[in-house]
N, C-alpha and C. Protein backbone atom coordinates (compact mmCIF):
# COMPACT_ATOMS: atom_id res chain seq x y z
N MET A 1 33.04 58.01 -41.03
CA MET A 1 33.94 58.75 -40.17
C MET A 1 33.67 60.24 -40.36
N THR A 2 33.66 60.98 -39.26
CA THR A 2 33.39 62.41 -39.35
C THR A 2 34.68 63.20 -39.14
N ALA A 3 34.73 64.36 -39.73
CA ALA A 3 35.90 65.24 -39.60
C ALA A 3 35.96 65.79 -38.18
N PRO A 4 37.17 66.09 -37.69
CA PRO A 4 37.32 66.55 -36.31
C PRO A 4 36.65 67.89 -36.02
N ASP A 5 36.41 68.72 -37.06
CA ASP A 5 35.80 70.02 -36.81
C ASP A 5 34.27 69.97 -36.78
N LEU A 6 33.69 68.78 -36.94
CA LEU A 6 32.24 68.65 -36.87
C LEU A 6 31.79 68.58 -35.42
N PRO A 7 30.68 69.23 -35.11
CA PRO A 7 30.15 69.14 -33.75
C PRO A 7 29.59 67.75 -33.49
N THR A 8 29.57 67.36 -32.24
CA THR A 8 29.01 66.06 -31.86
C THR A 8 27.49 66.15 -31.77
N GLU A 9 26.86 65.00 -31.71
CA GLU A 9 25.40 64.98 -31.53
C GLU A 9 25.04 65.70 -30.23
N SER A 10 25.79 65.47 -29.19
CA SER A 10 25.53 66.09 -27.89
C SER A 10 25.61 67.62 -27.98
N THR A 11 26.63 68.12 -28.67
CA THR A 11 26.79 69.57 -28.85
C THR A 11 25.61 70.15 -29.63
N LEU A 12 25.18 69.44 -30.67
CA LEU A 12 24.06 69.93 -31.48
C LEU A 12 22.76 69.89 -30.68
N ARG A 13 22.58 68.85 -29.90
CA ARG A 13 21.37 68.74 -29.06
C ARG A 13 21.33 69.93 -28.08
N GLU A 14 22.49 70.27 -27.53
CA GLU A 14 22.55 71.41 -26.60
C GLU A 14 22.20 72.71 -27.33
N ARG A 15 22.69 72.88 -28.55
CA ARG A 15 22.34 74.07 -29.35
C ARG A 15 20.84 74.13 -29.62
N LEU A 16 20.23 72.96 -29.84
CA LEU A 16 18.80 72.94 -30.15
C LEU A 16 17.94 73.35 -28.96
N ARG A 17 18.52 73.40 -27.77
CA ARG A 17 17.79 73.91 -26.60
C ARG A 17 17.45 75.39 -26.77
N ARG A 18 18.09 76.06 -27.73
CA ARG A 18 17.79 77.47 -28.01
C ARG A 18 16.48 77.64 -28.76
N VAL A 19 15.99 76.56 -29.37
CA VAL A 19 14.76 76.63 -30.16
C VAL A 19 13.58 76.38 -29.22
N ILE A 20 12.76 77.40 -29.07
CA ILE A 20 11.63 77.35 -28.14
C ILE A 20 10.34 77.13 -28.93
N ASP A 21 9.52 76.19 -28.47
CA ASP A 21 8.18 76.03 -29.02
C ASP A 21 7.33 77.12 -28.37
N PRO A 22 6.90 78.13 -29.15
CA PRO A 22 6.20 79.27 -28.56
C PRO A 22 4.90 78.90 -27.85
N GLU A 23 4.23 77.87 -28.33
CA GLU A 23 2.96 77.48 -27.69
C GLU A 23 3.21 76.87 -26.32
N ALA A 24 4.30 76.12 -26.18
CA ALA A 24 4.60 75.46 -24.91
C ALA A 24 5.50 76.31 -24.02
N GLY A 25 6.26 77.24 -24.63
CA GLY A 25 7.18 78.05 -23.86
C GLY A 25 8.36 77.26 -23.33
N LEU A 26 8.74 76.21 -24.06
CA LEU A 26 9.82 75.32 -23.64
C LEU A 26 10.62 74.91 -24.86
N ASN A 27 11.90 74.60 -24.67
CA ASN A 27 12.73 74.22 -25.82
C ASN A 27 12.33 72.85 -26.36
N ILE A 28 12.64 72.64 -27.63
CA ILE A 28 12.22 71.42 -28.32
C ILE A 28 12.91 70.16 -27.82
N VAL A 29 14.10 70.30 -27.21
CA VAL A 29 14.80 69.14 -26.68
C VAL A 29 14.09 68.65 -25.42
N ASP A 30 13.84 69.56 -24.47
CA ASP A 30 13.16 69.15 -23.24
C ASP A 30 11.71 68.74 -23.47
N LEU A 31 11.11 69.26 -24.55
CA LEU A 31 9.76 68.82 -24.90
C LEU A 31 9.75 67.39 -25.44
N GLY A 32 10.93 66.91 -25.87
CA GLY A 32 11.01 65.56 -26.42
C GLY A 32 10.68 65.50 -27.90
N LEU A 33 10.81 66.64 -28.60
CA LEU A 33 10.46 66.68 -30.02
C LEU A 33 11.59 66.22 -30.93
N VAL A 34 12.83 66.22 -30.44
CA VAL A 34 13.97 65.81 -31.25
C VAL A 34 14.18 64.32 -31.07
N TYR A 35 13.95 63.56 -32.12
CA TYR A 35 14.04 62.10 -32.04
C TYR A 35 15.44 61.59 -32.38
N ARG A 36 16.09 62.21 -33.35
CA ARG A 36 17.36 61.66 -33.82
C ARG A 36 18.21 62.76 -34.45
N ILE A 37 19.54 62.66 -34.24
CA ILE A 37 20.49 63.55 -34.88
C ILE A 37 21.61 62.69 -35.45
N ASP A 38 21.79 62.74 -36.76
CA ASP A 38 22.88 62.02 -37.43
C ASP A 38 23.86 63.04 -37.99
N VAL A 39 25.15 62.83 -37.70
CA VAL A 39 26.19 63.75 -38.16
C VAL A 39 27.11 63.01 -39.11
N THR A 40 27.28 63.54 -40.33
CA THR A 40 28.26 63.01 -41.27
C THR A 40 29.15 64.18 -41.70
N SER A 41 30.15 63.91 -42.49
CA SER A 41 31.06 64.98 -42.91
C SER A 41 30.40 66.01 -43.81
N SER A 42 29.29 65.66 -44.44
CA SER A 42 28.65 66.60 -45.35
C SER A 42 27.26 67.06 -44.91
N GLN A 43 26.74 66.46 -43.83
CA GLN A 43 25.36 66.76 -43.49
C GLN A 43 25.07 66.43 -42.02
N VAL A 44 24.18 67.24 -41.44
CA VAL A 44 23.57 66.91 -40.16
C VAL A 44 22.10 66.72 -40.45
N ARG A 45 21.58 65.57 -40.07
CA ARG A 45 20.17 65.27 -40.31
C ARG A 45 19.46 65.13 -38.97
N VAL A 46 18.39 65.89 -38.81
CA VAL A 46 17.60 65.84 -37.59
C VAL A 46 16.22 65.31 -37.93
N GLU A 47 15.79 64.31 -37.18
CA GLU A 47 14.41 63.84 -37.25
C GLU A 47 13.72 64.35 -36.00
N MET A 48 12.62 65.03 -36.22
CA MET A 48 11.89 65.59 -35.09
C MET A 48 10.40 65.56 -35.38
N THR A 49 9.62 65.87 -34.39
CA THR A 49 8.18 65.89 -34.54
C THR A 49 7.64 67.17 -33.91
N MET A 50 6.37 67.32 -33.97
CA MET A 50 5.66 68.41 -33.28
C MET A 50 4.73 67.75 -32.26
N THR A 51 4.22 68.54 -31.36
CA THR A 51 3.31 67.97 -30.36
C THR A 51 2.02 67.48 -31.01
N SER A 52 1.72 68.00 -32.20
CA SER A 52 0.54 67.58 -32.95
C SER A 52 0.80 67.78 -34.44
N PRO A 53 0.32 66.87 -35.30
CA PRO A 53 0.46 67.08 -36.74
C PRO A 53 -0.21 68.37 -37.21
N ALA A 54 -1.14 68.89 -36.44
CA ALA A 54 -1.85 70.12 -36.81
C ALA A 54 -1.14 71.37 -36.30
N CYS A 55 0.05 71.22 -35.74
CA CYS A 55 0.77 72.37 -35.17
C CYS A 55 0.99 73.43 -36.25
N PRO A 56 0.48 74.65 -36.04
CA PRO A 56 0.62 75.69 -37.05
C PRO A 56 2.02 76.29 -37.11
N LEU A 57 2.88 75.95 -36.16
CA LEU A 57 4.22 76.55 -36.08
C LEU A 57 5.32 75.63 -36.58
N GLY A 58 4.94 74.50 -37.16
CA GLY A 58 5.93 73.52 -37.61
C GLY A 58 7.00 74.08 -38.52
N GLU A 59 6.60 74.82 -39.53
CA GLU A 59 7.57 75.37 -40.49
C GLU A 59 8.48 76.39 -39.82
N MET A 60 7.92 77.24 -38.98
CA MET A 60 8.72 78.23 -38.28
C MET A 60 9.76 77.55 -37.38
N ILE A 61 9.36 76.52 -36.67
CA ILE A 61 10.26 75.81 -35.76
C ILE A 61 11.35 75.09 -36.54
N THR A 62 10.99 74.41 -37.63
CA THR A 62 12.02 73.71 -38.41
C THR A 62 12.99 74.69 -39.06
N ASP A 63 12.51 75.85 -39.48
CA ASP A 63 13.42 76.87 -40.02
C ASP A 63 14.39 77.34 -38.95
N GLU A 64 13.90 77.51 -37.74
CA GLU A 64 14.77 77.94 -36.64
C GLU A 64 15.79 76.85 -36.30
N VAL A 65 15.38 75.59 -36.36
CA VAL A 65 16.31 74.48 -36.13
C VAL A 65 17.45 74.54 -37.15
N LYS A 66 17.11 74.72 -38.42
CA LYS A 66 18.14 74.81 -39.47
C LYS A 66 19.09 75.97 -39.20
N GLU A 67 18.54 77.09 -38.79
CA GLU A 67 19.37 78.27 -38.52
C GLU A 67 20.32 78.02 -37.34
N VAL A 68 19.82 77.46 -36.26
CA VAL A 68 20.64 77.17 -35.08
C VAL A 68 21.73 76.16 -35.41
N LEU A 69 21.37 75.11 -36.16
CA LEU A 69 22.36 74.10 -36.53
C LEU A 69 23.40 74.68 -37.48
N GLY A 70 22.94 75.47 -38.45
CA GLY A 70 23.84 76.04 -39.44
C GLY A 70 24.96 76.85 -38.82
N GLY A 71 24.68 77.51 -37.70
CA GLY A 71 25.68 78.29 -37.02
C GLY A 71 26.79 77.47 -36.39
N ALA A 72 26.58 76.16 -36.28
CA ALA A 72 27.57 75.29 -35.65
C ALA A 72 28.31 74.42 -36.65
N LEU A 73 27.92 74.50 -37.93
CA LEU A 73 28.47 73.59 -38.92
C LEU A 73 29.55 74.26 -39.77
N PRO A 74 30.56 73.48 -40.15
CA PRO A 74 31.60 74.03 -41.03
C PRO A 74 31.04 74.23 -42.44
N ALA A 75 31.73 75.04 -43.22
CA ALA A 75 31.33 75.28 -44.61
C ALA A 75 31.21 73.95 -45.34
N GLY A 76 30.19 73.83 -46.15
CA GLY A 76 29.99 72.62 -46.94
C GLY A 76 29.18 71.54 -46.24
N CYS A 77 28.83 71.77 -44.99
CA CYS A 77 28.02 70.80 -44.24
C CYS A 77 26.62 71.38 -44.11
N ALA A 78 25.63 70.66 -44.61
CA ALA A 78 24.25 71.14 -44.63
C ALA A 78 23.45 70.58 -43.46
N ALA A 79 22.44 71.32 -43.05
CA ALA A 79 21.51 70.87 -42.02
C ALA A 79 20.19 70.50 -42.69
N GLU A 80 19.75 69.29 -42.46
CA GLU A 80 18.46 68.82 -43.01
C GLU A 80 17.56 68.47 -41.83
N VAL A 81 16.33 68.96 -41.87
CA VAL A 81 15.37 68.68 -40.81
C VAL A 81 14.18 67.96 -41.43
N THR A 82 13.85 66.81 -40.87
CA THR A 82 12.72 66.03 -41.36
C THR A 82 11.70 65.88 -40.25
N LEU A 83 10.46 66.28 -40.53
CA LEU A 83 9.38 66.06 -39.57
C LEU A 83 8.85 64.64 -39.73
N VAL A 84 8.75 63.94 -38.62
CA VAL A 84 8.22 62.58 -38.62
C VAL A 84 7.05 62.52 -37.64
N TRP A 85 6.18 61.57 -37.87
CA TRP A 85 4.98 61.49 -37.02
C TRP A 85 4.89 60.15 -36.29
N GLU A 86 5.90 59.30 -36.47
CA GLU A 86 5.97 58.02 -35.78
C GLU A 86 7.29 57.94 -35.04
N PRO A 87 7.30 57.66 -33.80
CA PRO A 87 6.12 57.51 -32.95
C PRO A 87 5.48 58.87 -32.68
N PRO A 88 4.18 58.86 -32.45
CA PRO A 88 3.52 60.12 -32.14
C PRO A 88 4.07 60.67 -30.81
N TRP A 89 4.19 61.99 -30.75
CA TRP A 89 4.67 62.61 -29.53
C TRP A 89 3.67 62.41 -28.41
N GLU A 90 4.18 62.21 -27.21
CA GLU A 90 3.32 62.18 -26.02
C GLU A 90 4.10 62.79 -24.86
N GLN A 91 3.41 63.18 -23.84
CA GLN A 91 4.01 63.90 -22.72
C GLN A 91 5.13 63.13 -22.04
N SER A 92 5.07 61.82 -22.08
CA SER A 92 6.11 61.01 -21.42
C SER A 92 7.47 61.17 -22.09
N MET A 93 7.52 61.74 -23.29
CA MET A 93 8.79 61.94 -24.00
C MET A 93 9.57 63.15 -23.50
N MET A 94 8.94 63.97 -22.66
CA MET A 94 9.60 65.14 -22.14
C MET A 94 10.67 64.75 -21.12
N SER A 95 11.69 65.60 -21.03
CA SER A 95 12.72 65.41 -20.02
C SER A 95 12.15 65.75 -18.64
N ALA A 96 12.91 65.41 -17.61
CA ALA A 96 12.50 65.78 -16.25
C ALA A 96 12.36 67.30 -16.13
N ALA A 97 13.28 68.04 -16.79
CA ALA A 97 13.21 69.50 -16.76
C ALA A 97 11.94 69.99 -17.45
N GLY A 98 11.54 69.32 -18.53
CA GLY A 98 10.32 69.70 -19.23
C GLY A 98 9.09 69.48 -18.37
N LYS A 99 9.06 68.34 -17.71
CA LYS A 99 7.91 68.05 -16.83
C LYS A 99 7.86 69.03 -15.68
N LYS A 100 9.03 69.37 -15.14
CA LYS A 100 9.08 70.34 -14.04
C LYS A 100 8.58 71.70 -14.50
N HIS A 101 8.92 72.09 -15.75
CA HIS A 101 8.47 73.35 -16.32
C HIS A 101 6.95 73.49 -16.24
N PHE A 102 6.25 72.38 -16.46
CA PHE A 102 4.79 72.38 -16.44
C PHE A 102 4.22 72.03 -15.07
N GLY A 103 5.11 71.78 -14.10
CA GLY A 103 4.65 71.46 -12.75
C GLY A 103 4.16 70.03 -12.62
N TRP A 104 4.62 69.14 -13.50
CA TRP A 104 4.20 67.75 -13.45
C TRP A 104 5.25 66.93 -12.72
N GLU A 105 4.80 65.90 -12.06
CA GLU A 105 5.72 64.97 -11.41
C GLU A 105 6.47 64.20 -12.45
N ASP A 106 7.77 63.99 -12.19
CA ASP A 106 8.58 63.16 -13.08
C ASP A 106 8.33 61.71 -12.71
N ASP A 107 8.02 60.89 -13.71
CA ASP A 107 7.75 59.47 -13.45
C ASP A 107 9.02 58.64 -13.45
N GLY A 108 10.19 59.29 -13.54
CA GLY A 108 11.45 58.57 -13.52
C GLY A 108 11.89 58.08 -14.88
N HIS A 109 11.10 58.34 -15.92
CA HIS A 109 11.43 57.86 -17.27
C HIS A 109 11.92 58.98 -18.17
N GLY A 110 12.07 60.21 -17.70
CA GLY A 110 12.46 61.31 -18.54
C GLY A 110 13.79 61.77 -18.21
């Protein structure tokens, strides 16, 4: 059970739209990089990936995710970000807005 002053997963996902992948010029949510957000009374845990395991900006992006999340959390609630590589990211994971950003047709699955 979570305390009433904790943000919802939806609220946190919306906040994460502020984090832009500089190489893509698009936020990490619409890119499809955020796989999971778990909220408990003491912690918010985000599982996310990068477009490639060789992404040189991974640490910078995860630091920014922690900063954005931290601004929404009550005292005593920590933000943990874990990079995962399964499933590997692919373009089909992008939202319709993400695909539109790149001028790609939406296949109806985003």
